[in-house]
Protein backbone atom coordinates (compact mmCIF):
# COMPACT_ATOMS: atom_id res chain seq x y z
CA MET A 1 -13.00 56.32 -71.72
CA ASP A 2 -10.26 57.58 -73.14
CA VAL A 3 -6.44 58.30 -71.17
CA GLN A 4 -7.32 62.43 -71.43
CA THR A 5 -10.51 61.99 -69.38
CA THR A 6 -9.12 59.45 -66.56
CA ILE A 7 -6.07 62.26 -66.46
CA ASN A 8 -8.60 64.81 -65.97
CA LEU A 9 -10.64 62.98 -63.71
CA ILE A 10 -7.63 62.08 -61.18
CA GLY A 11 -6.28 65.90 -61.61
CA GLY A 12 -9.82 67.16 -60.60
CA ALA A 13 -9.99 64.58 -57.66
CA LEU A 14 -6.26 65.62 -56.62
CA LEU A 15 -7.26 69.24 -56.52
CA ALA A 16 -10.34 68.85 -55.05
CA ILE A 17 -8.40 66.63 -52.04
CA VAL A 18 -5.61 70.10 -52.05
CA GLY A 19 -8.26 72.32 -51.92
CA TRP A 20 -10.09 70.68 -48.70
CA VAL A 21 -6.87 70.45 -47.08
CA ALA A 22 -5.84 74.04 -47.49
CA ARG A 23 -9.44 75.31 -46.53
CA GLN A 24 -9.09 73.03 -43.35
CA LEU A 25 -5.73 74.77 -42.58
CA TYR A 26 -7.16 78.05 -43.14
CA GLN A 27 -9.91 77.31 -40.69
CA SER A 28 -7.61 76.16 -38.23
CA ILE A 29 -5.17 79.12 -38.44
CA ARG A 30 -8.13 81.02 -38.07
CA ASP A 31 -9.48 79.44 -35.05
CA LEU A 32 -5.84 79.55 -33.66
CA GLN A 33 -5.75 83.14 -33.90
CA ARG A 34 -8.93 83.59 -32.54
CA ASP A 35 -7.79 81.76 -29.38
CA ILE A 36 -4.86 83.76 -29.13
CA LYS A 37 -6.66 86.94 -29.13
CA ASN A 38 -8.89 85.70 -26.46
CA ILE A 39 -6.11 84.79 -24.50
CA GLU A 40 -4.44 88.26 -25.05
CA VAL A 41 -7.52 90.06 -23.89
CA SER A 42 -7.97 87.78 -20.45
CA LEU A 43 -4.58 87.29 -19.91
CA PRO A 44 -4.23 90.71 -17.68
CA THR A 45 -7.52 89.91 -15.51
CA ASN A 46 -6.38 86.16 -15.03
CA TYR A 47 -3.09 86.90 -12.92
CA VAL A 48 -2.09 88.85 -10.30
CA GLN A 49 -1.82 92.63 -11.36
CA LYS A 50 1.59 94.30 -10.83
CA THR A 51 0.12 97.27 -7.96
CA GLU A 52 -1.67 94.16 -6.29
CA PHE A 53 1.45 92.10 -6.14
CA ASN A 54 3.68 95.31 -5.06
CA SER A 55 0.94 96.03 -1.91
CA ASN A 56 0.44 92.29 -0.80
CA LEU A 57 4.09 92.08 -1.01
CA ARG A 58 4.80 95.27 1.12
CA GLU A 59 2.41 94.32 3.60
CA ILE A 60 4.26 90.74 4.20
CA LYS A 61 7.48 93.05 4.47
CA GLU A 62 5.80 94.75 7.17
CA MET A 63 4.94 91.78 9.12
CA LEU A 64 8.40 90.44 8.71
CA ASN A 65 9.63 93.75 10.37
CA LYS A 66 7.61 93.28 13.45
CA ILE A 67 8.33 89.83 13.76
CA PHE A 68 11.88 90.76 13.66
CA ASP A 69 11.36 93.39 15.86
CA LYS A 70 9.71 91.10 18.63
CA LEU A 71 12.74 88.68 18.19
CA ASP A 72 15.12 91.70 18.59
CA ASP A 73 13.19 92.50 21.76
CA LYS A 74 13.27 88.89 23.02
CA ALA A 75 17.04 88.57 22.45
CA ASP A 76 17.66 91.69 24.72
CA LYS A 77 16.08 90.55 27.69
């Protein structure tokens, strides 16, 4: 084998390795983008919605007001 053939083989092998790494990176980025899209879709359904939170908070405030009213009545007696 002459020097040029050896250089071509080494260069081809290096380019094949670089191509494989680039393909792996591209595939990983696509998988991450798909995962992020799935999270964006499922995020509003997995957490408490604002309207539900507000209604629950309103109920808690009403209960606390009843407790405070009872305490005020007890303190007056």
